[in-house]
Amino acid sequence: MPKGRPRLTPEEYEGRLRAYCAAYSVKPTAQGLPPFPSGQRETPQHREWMKLYKAHDRMARRDGASADQRRALLDAQAGRCPICGEPVDLSASVEHGPGPGEARALMHPRCNQLVGMAESLGPQALERVRQYLWTTVAKRPDRRR
C-alpha cells in the first residue's frame, strides 16, 4: 500500500480554491492563491488558506519549476496561453517544455494535449488538419443556425 499523501491534481486544487473563494467572498490573485486573510490568524479561514498555500506550493515544486519561475514565465507570456491566446491561470496551467524544470511556456491543459498530439504526429499531420478544417469544412454550409 502506498504511503504518504495522495497526489493533488490541478482540478482538485481548483475546486478547493473555488470553494474557499465562494465561502469567504474573495478572488484569487495572479499567483493562483486567494489573498492572505490578514487579522484572521488561528481561525478556520486562516487554516483553510494555509492548506491552499501548501497545496499550491507542493504542486509548483512537483511540476518542476518554482512558483517564482512559473510567475516569471507567465509574465513573459503577458498572461496568455501561447496556443489559444486566452488568459491562463497560474494555478491551472501546465508547463510545456523540453524537460522537467525547463518550461518554454505555460498553457491550458487542453492546449497542452493539442501540442502533445501535434508533436507526436509531426508537421505534415498538422498541415493536413489545417487543410481539412479551413478548406474542407469551410465549403460545407454553416450548421450552427
Protein backbone atom coordinates (compact mmCIF):
# COMPACT_ATOMS: atom_id res chain seq x y z
CA MET A 1 0.00 0.00 0.00
CA PRO A 2 1.43 3.44 -0.94
CA LYS A 3 2.43 5.73 1.90
CA GLY A 4 2.03 9.44 2.17
CA ARG A 5 -0.40 12.00 0.88
CA PRO A 6 -2.27 11.24 -2.37
CA ARG A 7 -1.29 13.50 -5.28
CA LEU A 8 -3.42 16.58 -5.67
CA THR A 9 -4.49 17.24 -9.25
CA PRO A 10 -4.86 20.77 -10.65
CA GLU A 11 -8.60 20.11 -10.97
CA GLU A 12 -8.88 19.20 -7.27
CA TYR A 13 -6.89 22.30 -6.33
CA GLU A 14 -9.15 24.47 -8.49
CA GLY A 15 -12.21 23.00 -6.75
CA ARG A 16 -10.74 23.79 -3.33
CA LEU A 17 -9.78 27.29 -4.47
CA ARG A 18 -13.28 27.98 -5.83
CA ALA A 19 -14.87 26.70 -2.60
CA TYR A 20 -12.61 28.91 -0.47
CA CYS A 21 -13.24 31.97 -2.64
CA ALA A 22 -17.00 31.41 -2.53
CA ALA A 23 -17.00 30.85 1.24
CA TYR A 24 -15.01 34.00 2.01
CA SER A 25 -16.10 36.22 -0.90
CA VAL A 26 -12.58 36.74 -2.31
CA LYS A 27 -10.93 36.31 -5.69
CA PRO A 28 -7.63 34.56 -6.40
CA THR A 29 -4.58 36.69 -7.14
CA ALA A 30 -2.46 36.33 -10.29
CA GLN A 31 -0.33 33.80 -8.40
CA GLY A 32 -3.30 31.44 -8.12
CA LEU A 33 -3.89 31.94 -4.39
CA PRO A 34 -6.57 33.91 -2.58
CA PRO A 35 -5.29 36.96 -0.69
CA PHE A 36 -3.84 36.28 2.75
CA PRO A 37 -6.55 36.66 5.42
CA SER A 38 -4.96 39.48 7.42
CA GLY A 39 -6.10 39.68 11.01
CA GLN A 40 -7.55 36.17 10.89
CA ARG A 41 -4.69 34.13 12.40
CA GLU A 42 -5.66 30.84 14.02
CA THR A 43 -9.21 30.98 12.64
CA PRO A 44 -10.83 28.40 10.36
CA GLN A 45 -10.29 30.79 7.43
CA HIS A 46 -6.57 31.06 8.18
CA ARG A 47 -6.23 27.26 8.44
CA GLU A 48 -8.02 26.79 5.11
CA TRP A 49 -5.79 29.42 3.48
CA MET A 50 -2.69 27.64 4.81
CA LYS A 51 -3.92 24.34 3.33
CA LEU A 52 -4.39 26.02 -0.06
CA TYR A 53 -0.97 27.68 0.17
CA LYS A 54 0.78 24.41 0.99
CA ALA A 55 -1.06 22.51 -1.75
CA HIS A 56 -0.20 25.24 -4.26
CA ASP A 57 3.46 25.12 -3.22
CA ARG A 58 3.60 21.30 -3.45
CA MET A 59 2.08 21.34 -6.93
CA ALA A 60 4.52 24.02 -8.11
CA ARG A 61 7.52 22.09 -6.78
CA ARG A 62 6.24 18.82 -8.21
CA ASP A 63 5.66 20.38 -11.63
CA GLY A 64 9.33 21.22 -11.91
CA ALA A 65 9.53 24.99 -11.70
CA SER A 66 9.24 27.11 -8.60
CA ALA A 67 6.27 29.40 -8.20
CA ASP A 68 8.51 32.40 -8.94
CA GLN A 69 9.77 30.80 -12.15
CA ARG A 70 6.22 29.98 -13.23
CA ARG A 71 5.11 33.54 -12.46
CA ALA A 72 8.02 34.96 -14.48
CA LEU A 73 7.21 32.64 -17.37
CA LEU A 74 3.55 33.68 -17.32
CA ASP A 75 4.55 37.36 -17.17
CA ALA A 76 6.78 36.83 -20.22
CA GLN A 77 3.70 35.44 -22.00
CA ALA A 78 1.66 38.51 -20.97
CA GLY A 79 -0.63 36.17 -19.01
CA ARG A 80 -1.89 34.44 -22.15
CA CYS A 81 -1.72 30.89 -23.44
CA PRO A 82 0.60 30.72 -26.48
CA ILE A 83 -1.74 28.26 -28.22
CA CYS A 84 -5.26 29.69 -27.87
CA GLY A 85 -4.36 33.25 -26.86
CA GLU A 86 -6.80 33.24 -23.93
CA PRO A 87 -5.75 34.30 -20.41
CA VAL A 88 -4.22 31.42 -18.47
CA ASP A 89 -4.48 30.99 -14.69
CA LEU A 90 -1.18 30.24 -12.99
CA SER A 91 -2.65 27.55 -10.74
CA ALA A 92 -4.47 25.76 -13.56
CA SER A 93 -1.66 25.99 -16.11
CA VAL A 94 0.54 23.19 -17.39
CA GLU A 95 4.21 23.57 -18.22
CA HIS A 96 5.32 22.60 -21.68
CA GLY A 97 8.99 22.32 -22.43
CA PRO A 98 11.91 20.13 -23.36
CA GLY A 99 12.29 18.61 -19.88
CA PRO A 100 11.46 18.92 -16.19
CA GLY A 101 12.25 22.38 -14.89
CA GLU A 102 12.91 23.74 -18.40
CA ALA A 103 9.50 25.10 -19.31
CA ARG A 104 9.13 27.03 -22.52
CA ALA A 105 5.53 28.01 -21.87
CA LEU A 106 2.58 27.74 -19.53
CA MET A 107 -0.68 26.75 -21.19
CA HIS A 108 -4.13 25.33 -20.54
CA PRO A 109 -4.25 21.54 -20.05
CA ARG A 110 -6.29 21.09 -23.26
CA CYS A 111 -3.86 23.22 -25.24
CA ASN A 112 -1.01 21.12 -23.87
CA GLN A 113 -2.82 17.99 -25.07
CA LEU A 114 -3.15 19.52 -28.53
CA VAL A 115 0.55 20.42 -28.61
CA GLY A 116 1.48 16.91 -27.46
CA MET A 117 -0.59 15.34 -30.22
CA ALA A 118 0.87 17.69 -32.83
CA GLU A 119 4.41 16.87 -31.65
CA SER A 120 3.78 13.14 -31.90
CA LEU A 121 2.12 13.35 -35.34
CA GLY A 122 4.53 15.79 -36.93
CA PRO A 123 4.22 18.88 -39.12
CA GLN A 124 2.62 17.04 -42.06
CA ALA A 125 -0.31 15.95 -39.91
CA LEU A 126 -0.72 19.48 -38.61
CA GLU A 127 -0.84 20.79 -42.16
CA ARG A 128 -3.47 18.16 -43.06
CA VAL A 129 -5.59 19.25 -40.08
CA ARG A 130 -5.30 22.89 -41.15
CA GLN A 131 -6.26 21.95 -44.70
CA TYR A 132 -9.21 19.88 -43.51
CA LEU A 133 -10.59 22.44 -41.10
CA TRP A 134 -10.23 25.59 -43.18
CA THR A 135 -10.83 24.34 -46.68
CA THR A 136 -12.98 21.19 -46.48
CA VAL A 137 -15.10 22.38 -43.55
CA ALA A 138 -15.34 25.91 -44.93
CA LYS A 139 -17.04 24.56 -48.08
CA ARG A 140 -19.87 22.99 -46.06
CA PRO A 141 -22.93 25.08 -45.16
CA ASP A 142 -22.99 26.57 -41.69
CA ARG A 143 -24.96 24.14 -39.50
CA ARG A 144 -24.91 26.29 -36.35
CA ARG A 145 -28.07 28.14 -37.32
